[in-house]
Amino acid sequence: MPDGKSIVSGWDDGKIRAFKPRTGTLMYTINDAHRGGVSALAVTSDNQRIVSGGKGGNVRVWAVGKTTQPMLASMKEHKGTVTSVQISDDDTHCVSASEDGSSLVWSLERFARVTCLLANNQFKCIRYHPDQCQLLTCGTDRKITFWDVADGNPIRIVDGSKTAQLNCLAISPDGSRFVSGGGESLVHVWGYDEAHQLFQGHGHSGAITACAISPDSQTIVTCGDEGGIFMWKMPEGISESKSSRTQGQIEGFEEENYPTPRRKEHEQQKIPAFKETKHATRAARH
């Protein structure tokens, strides 16, 4: 939760569980939240509602009370697994991405669809830009797409990977840069306005499944399907002038505790790796 008083999680058994951060004590369980499993979660900024997505395609809204967590609405338009959910800053709308090739903008006041984004793609992640006017998506087509929230049309499409699908995105609080990760196990840092890749890092031995940027924009956190949770120091010197470097010049940041592979220089592109500044945490795999 945004207030830091609980950790809300979705499970393959179809339940939503909340735990106390310090002790790990179970606070409450929402049973039968989604048939087949909970695949996406988001929480409103006032800590009063949870929005969840399921493998059956439903997007559901739950009220968070002291003793009960009733369902407020169930919205069903997706025909595939809901892979990502995010809520707007003012808590009036949310967006959901699905493997069925659609991403939807929903009203959390009327519990109805507002806009539909369509692509020949199994969407894996969707994120609001901090100004709430644009959305970023990624998925199996290996592209990162910038969308206009108002009309649902694509504004820009860039290649996010040459070899593997993209699984996650995170945008810095000031909106100047974003991070992507996916099946090629590399962490990429991009300038938002120019959509140029600025840095990339290697450390994971498996696909990157989730990423986040800290509120102060100084740290990147990534999770991999090999069971690793890495904390990276945001590369120094990222600025508007840095972002506008000549196309093809990509600097690196390094991961401290693992070998740092150096890539060969190509015609107009130099891609060294970047470093992870804290010890990687290996999470147990179940």
Protein backbone atom coordinates (compact mmCIF):
# COMPACT_ATOMS: atom_id res chain seq x y z
CA MET A 1 0.00 0.00 0.00
CA PRO A 2 1.22 3.58 -0.58
CA ASP A 3 1.06 4.30 3.16
CA GLY A 4 3.59 1.51 3.80
CA LYS A 5 1.36 -0.27 6.30
CA SER A 6 0.78 -3.41 4.24
CA ILE A 7 2.09 -5.42 1.30
CA VAL A 8 -0.68 -6.56 -1.05
CA SER A 9 -0.04 -9.60 -3.26
CA GLY A 10 -1.88 -11.67 -5.85
CA TRP A 11 -1.60 -15.45 -5.96
CA ASP A 12 -2.08 -18.29 -8.44
CA ASP A 13 -4.70 -19.81 -6.14
CA GLY A 14 -6.97 -16.88 -7.00
CA LYS A 15 -6.58 -15.08 -3.67
CA ILE A 16 -5.36 -11.59 -2.76
CA ARG A 17 -3.38 -11.50 0.48
CA ALA A 18 -2.08 -8.56 2.50
CA PHE A 19 0.82 -8.80 4.95
CA LYS A 20 2.44 -6.55 7.54
CA PRO A 21 5.78 -5.29 6.13
CA ARG A 22 7.86 -5.75 9.29
CA THR A 23 6.61 -9.09 10.58
CA GLY A 24 5.07 -10.72 7.52
CA THR A 25 1.90 -11.40 9.49
CA LEU A 26 -1.15 -12.05 7.34
CA MET A 27 -3.60 -9.15 7.68
CA TYR A 28 -6.44 -10.27 5.43
CA THR A 29 -7.28 -12.53 2.50
CA ILE A 30 -9.71 -11.92 -0.34
CA ASN A 31 -10.86 -15.39 -1.33
CA ASP A 32 -11.85 -16.29 -4.90
CA ALA A 33 -10.71 -12.93 -6.23
CA HIS A 34 -10.06 -14.43 -9.69
CA ARG A 35 -10.67 -17.88 -11.05
CA GLY A 36 -7.43 -19.30 -12.39
CA GLY A 37 -5.22 -16.87 -10.48
CA VAL A 38 -4.49 -13.19 -9.86
CA SER A 39 -2.16 -11.85 -12.52
CA ALA A 40 -2.00 -8.06 -11.84
CA LEU A 41 -2.55 -5.66 -8.92
CA ALA A 42 -2.63 -1.93 -8.23
CA VAL A 43 -3.70 0.18 -5.24
CA THR A 44 -5.22 3.67 -5.15
CA SER A 45 -3.21 6.49 -3.60
CA ASP A 46 -5.70 6.85 -0.73
CA ASN A 47 -5.20 3.17 0.23
CA GLN A 48 -8.95 2.60 0.01
CA ARG A 49 -9.26 0.43 -3.10
CA ILE A 50 -7.44 -2.41 -4.85
CA VAL A 51 -7.71 -3.00 -8.60
CA SER A 52 -6.86 -6.55 -9.67
CA GLY A 53 -6.58 -8.40 -12.96
CA GLY A 54 -7.02 -12.12 -13.48
CA LYS A 55 -6.15 -14.89 -15.88
CA GLY A 56 -9.79 -15.02 -16.94
CA GLY A 57 -9.68 -11.45 -18.27
CA ASN A 58 -11.62 -9.74 -15.47
CA VAL A 59 -10.61 -6.41 -13.94
CA ARG A 60 -12.07 -6.07 -10.45
CA VAL A 61 -12.21 -3.30 -7.87
CA TRP A 62 -12.17 -4.02 -4.13
CA ALA A 63 -12.83 -1.76 -1.15
CA VAL A 64 -10.26 -2.08 1.63
CA GLY A 65 -11.95 -1.98 5.03
CA LYS A 66 -10.71 -2.82 8.50
CA THR A 67 -12.63 -6.08 8.66
CA THR A 68 -13.99 -6.72 5.15
CA GLN A 69 -12.85 -6.20 1.55
CA PRO A 70 -16.00 -6.30 -0.61
CA MET A 71 -15.92 -6.23 -4.40
CA LEU A 72 -17.18 -2.93 -5.83
CA ALA A 73 -17.15 -3.84 -9.52
CA SER A 74 -16.14 -6.52 -11.99
CA MET A 75 -15.32 -5.32 -15.52
CA LYS A 76 -15.00 -7.92 -18.26
CA GLU A 77 -13.88 -7.04 -21.77
CA HIS A 78 -10.48 -8.70 -22.03
CA LYS A 79 -10.49 -12.16 -23.56
CA GLY A 80 -7.04 -13.11 -22.28
CA THR A 81 -4.92 -12.87 -19.15
CA VAL A 82 -4.66 -9.39 -17.68
CA THR A 83 -0.91 -8.89 -17.37
CA SER A 84 -0.65 -5.35 -15.98
CA VAL A 85 -2.80 -2.77 -14.16
CA GLN A 86 -2.01 0.82 -13.14
CA ILE A 87 -4.16 3.55 -11.56
CA SER A 88 -4.05 7.22 -12.52
CA ASP A 89 -2.66 9.73 -10.03
CA ASP A 90 -6.10 11.12 -9.20
CA ASP A 91 -7.59 7.62 -8.69
CA THR A 92 -10.38 8.28 -11.21
CA HIS A 93 -9.12 5.94 -13.95
CA CYS A 94 -7.04 2.82 -14.38
CA VAL A 95 -5.45 1.03 -17.32
CA SER A 96 -5.16 -2.68 -17.95
CA ALA A 97 -3.07 -4.62 -20.46
CA SER A 98 -3.85 -8.11 -21.70
CA GLU A 99 -2.40 -10.92 -23.77
CA ASP A 100 -5.44 -10.64 -26.07
CA GLY A 101 -3.85 -7.65 -27.84
CA SER A 102 -5.86 -4.95 -26.09
CA SER A 103 -5.13 -2.38 -23.41
CA LEU A 104 -8.10 -0.58 -21.86
CA VAL A 105 -8.61 2.67 -19.99
CA TRP A 106 -11.36 2.31 -17.35
CA SER A 107 -13.33 4.84 -15.34
CA LEU A 108 -13.18 4.01 -11.63
CA GLU A 109 -16.21 6.22 -11.05
CA ARG A 110 -18.56 4.65 -13.60
CA PHE A 111 -16.74 1.28 -13.79
CA ALA A 112 -16.88 1.37 -17.57
CA ARG A 113 -14.41 1.35 -20.44
CA VAL A 114 -13.28 4.76 -21.69
CA THR A 115 -10.65 4.00 -24.35
CA CYS A 116 -9.29 0.91 -26.09
CA LEU A 117 -5.72 0.51 -27.38
CA LEU A 118 -5.26 -2.27 -29.95
CA ALA A 119 -2.12 -3.85 -31.39
CA ASN A 120 -0.92 -7.12 -32.90
CA ASN A 121 0.83 -7.90 -29.65
CA GLN A 122 0.45 -9.79 -26.39
CA PHE A 123 0.79 -6.87 -23.98
CA LYS A 124 2.92 -7.52 -20.89
CA CYS A 125 3.04 -4.10 -19.23
CA ILE A 126 1.34 -0.69 -19.36
CA ARG A 127 2.39 2.48 -17.52
CA TYR A 128 1.09 6.05 -17.21
CA HIS A 129 3.54 8.84 -17.86
CA PRO A 130 3.59 11.17 -14.79
CA ASP A 131 1.76 13.88 -16.74
CA GLN A 132 -1.06 11.35 -17.29
CA CYS A 133 -1.34 12.32 -20.98
CA GLN A 134 0.55 9.36 -22.41
CA LEU A 135 0.89 5.63 -21.84
CA LEU A 136 3.79 3.23 -22.47
CA THR A 137 3.27 -0.40 -23.40
CA CYS A 138 5.49 -3.37 -24.20
CA GLY A 139 5.03 -7.04 -24.98
CA THR A 140 5.83 -9.95 -27.25
CA ASP A 141 6.35 -7.78 -30.34
CA ARG A 142 9.59 -6.51 -28.70
CA LYS A 143 8.50 -2.88 -29.22
CA ILE A 144 7.83 0.00 -26.85
CA THR A 145 4.78 2.01 -27.88
CA PHE A 146 3.86 5.54 -26.76
CA TRP A 147 0.07 6.11 -26.74
CA ASP A 148 -2.15 9.17 -26.42
CA VAL A 149 -4.51 8.65 -23.48
CA ALA A 150 -7.27 10.85 -24.91
CA ASP A 151 -7.85 9.10 -28.24
CA GLY A 152 -6.00 5.79 -27.80
CA ASN A 153 -3.79 6.28 -30.85
CA PRO A 154 -0.09 5.35 -30.97
CA ILE A 155 2.25 8.35 -31.01
CA ARG A 156 5.61 6.61 -31.41
CA ILE A 157 6.89 3.04 -31.69
CA VAL A 158 10.51 2.11 -30.99
CA ASP A 159 12.37 -1.21 -30.99
CA GLY A 160 12.93 -2.23 -27.37
CA SER A 161 14.76 -5.49 -28.08
CA LYS A 162 16.12 -7.35 -31.07
CA THR A 163 15.87 -10.86 -29.69
CA ALA A 164 13.23 -11.32 -26.96
CA GLN A 165 9.91 -10.07 -25.65
CA LEU A 166 9.71 -7.17 -23.19
CA ASN A 167 8.06 -7.88 -19.84
CA CYS A 168 8.22 -4.69 -17.79
CA LEU A 169 8.50 -0.90 -17.82
CA ALA A 170 9.04 1.77 -15.17
CA ILE A 171 8.99 5.56 -15.65
CA SER A 172 10.92 7.97 -13.41
CA PRO A 173 8.82 10.35 -11.27
CA ASP A 174 9.84 13.37 -13.35
CA GLY A 175 9.05 11.54 -16.60
CA SER A 176 12.45 12.20 -18.15
CA ARG A 177 13.53 8.56 -18.45
CA PHE A 178 12.22 5.02 -18.24
CA VAL A 179 13.52 1.49 -17.74
CA SER A 180 12.66 -1.67 -19.65
CA GLY A 181 13.47 -5.34 -19.17
CA GLY A 182 12.60 -8.66 -20.73
CA GLY A 183 13.74 -11.99 -22.05
CA GLU A 184 17.24 -10.90 -23.05
CA SER A 185 18.11 -10.37 -19.33
CA LEU A 186 19.34 -6.79 -19.86
CA VAL A 187 18.21 -3.66 -18.02
CA HIS A 188 17.77 -0.73 -20.41
CA VAL A 189 17.57 2.95 -19.43
CA TRP A 190 15.96 5.29 -21.97
CA GLY A 191 15.45 9.02 -22.41
CA TYR A 192 11.70 9.52 -22.63
CA ASP A 193 11.37 12.51 -24.97
CA GLU A 194 13.91 11.26 -27.53
CA ALA A 195 13.15 7.54 -27.01
CA HIS A 196 16.91 6.86 -27.18
CA GLN A 197 18.55 4.14 -25.18
CA LEU A 198 21.12 5.69 -22.85
CA PHE A 199 22.43 2.83 -20.70
CA GLN A 200 22.12 -0.91 -20.34
CA GLY A 201 23.17 -3.33 -17.63
CA HIS A 202 23.76 -7.06 -17.30
CA GLY A 203 23.43 -9.11 -14.13
CA HIS A 204 20.40 -11.36 -14.39
CA SER A 205 20.83 -14.89 -15.70
CA GLY A 206 17.14 -15.22 -16.56
CA ALA A 207 14.40 -13.10 -18.04
CA ILE A 208 13.62 -9.85 -16.21
CA THR A 209 9.99 -9.98 -15.07
CA ALA A 210 9.54 -6.73 -13.11
CA CYS A 211 11.27 -3.37 -12.64
CA ALA A 212 10.76 -0.20 -10.63
CA ILE A 213 12.42 3.20 -10.05
CA SER A 214 12.65 4.63 -6.53
CA PRO A 215 10.78 7.88 -5.70
CA ASP A 216 14.08 9.81 -5.62
CA SER A 217 15.08 8.34 -9.02
CA GLN A 218 18.41 7.16 -7.60
CA THR A 219 17.76 3.41 -7.59
CA ILE A 220 16.41 0.84 -10.03
CA VAL A 221 15.05 -2.48 -8.74
CA THR A 222 14.65 -5.48 -11.04
CA CYS A 223 13.40 -9.05 -10.55
CA GLY A 224 14.30 -12.04 -12.69
CA ASP A 225 12.75 -15.46 -13.17
CA GLU A 226 16.01 -17.03 -11.98
CA GLY A 227 15.05 -15.82 -8.48
CA GLY A 228 17.25 -12.71 -8.32
CA ILE A 229 16.25 -9.27 -7.01
CA PHE A 230 18.82 -6.64 -8.03
CA MET A 231 19.22 -3.04 -6.89
CA TRP A 232 21.02 -0.79 -9.37
CA LYS A 233 22.28 2.73 -8.91
CA MET A 234 20.77 5.03 -11.51
CA PRO A 235 23.60 6.11 -13.83
CA GLU A 236 24.90 9.56 -13.00
CA GLY A 237 24.80 12.43 -15.44
CA ILE A 238 21.47 11.62 -17.08
CA SER A 239 20.08 14.94 -18.14
CA GLU A 240 18.41 16.60 -21.08
CA SER A 241 21.77 17.36 -22.63
CA LYS A 242 22.88 13.76 -22.09
CA SER A 243 19.71 12.46 -23.71
CA SER A 244 20.34 14.48 -26.86
CA ARG A 245 23.66 12.79 -27.63
CA THR A 246 24.23 11.69 -31.21
CA GLN A 247 22.15 8.68 -32.11
CA GLY A 248 23.80 5.34 -31.45
CA GLN A 249 26.05 6.40 -28.56
CA ILE A 250 24.96 4.28 -25.60
CA GLU A 251 26.86 4.42 -22.31
CA GLY A 252 26.76 1.78 -19.62
CA PHE A 253 26.39 1.31 -15.91
CA GLU A 254 27.87 -1.66 -14.14
CA GLU A 255 26.84 -4.46 -11.81
CA GLU A 256 29.36 -4.87 -8.99
CA ASN A 257 29.09 -8.46 -7.92
CA TYR A 258 28.93 -10.28 -11.23
CA PRO A 259 31.18 -10.43 -14.30
CA THR A 260 30.61 -7.43 -16.54
CA PRO A 261 30.66 -8.47 -20.19
CA ARG A 262 32.01 -5.90 -22.59
CA ARG A 263 30.45 -5.78 -26.01
CA LYS A 264 32.40 -5.03 -29.17
CA GLU A 265 32.13 -1.67 -30.84
CA HIS A 266 29.92 -1.69 -33.87
CA GLU A 267 29.85 0.86 -36.62
CA GLN A 268 28.14 3.66 -34.67
CA GLN A 269 27.19 2.00 -31.41
CA LYS A 270 29.17 1.38 -28.25
CA ILE A 271 27.37 -0.51 -25.51
CA PRO A 272 29.31 -1.18 -22.29
CA ALA A 273 27.49 -2.59 -19.25
CA PHE A 274 26.54 -0.80 -16.03
CA LYS A 275 26.98 -1.82 -12.38
CA GLU A 276 24.66 -2.95 -9.63
CA THR A 277 25.80 -1.21 -6.45
CA LYS A 278 24.26 -3.43 -3.78
CA HIS A 279 24.42 -7.14 -3.27
CA ALA A 280 21.84 -9.05 -5.27
CA THR A 281 19.24 -10.84 -3.19
CA ARG A 282 18.56 -14.33 -4.31
CA ALA A 283 14.93 -15.15 -3.66
CA ALA A 284 13.94 -18.73 -3.07
CA ARG A 285 12.12 -20.29 -5.98
CA HIS A 286 8.96 -22.24 -5.25
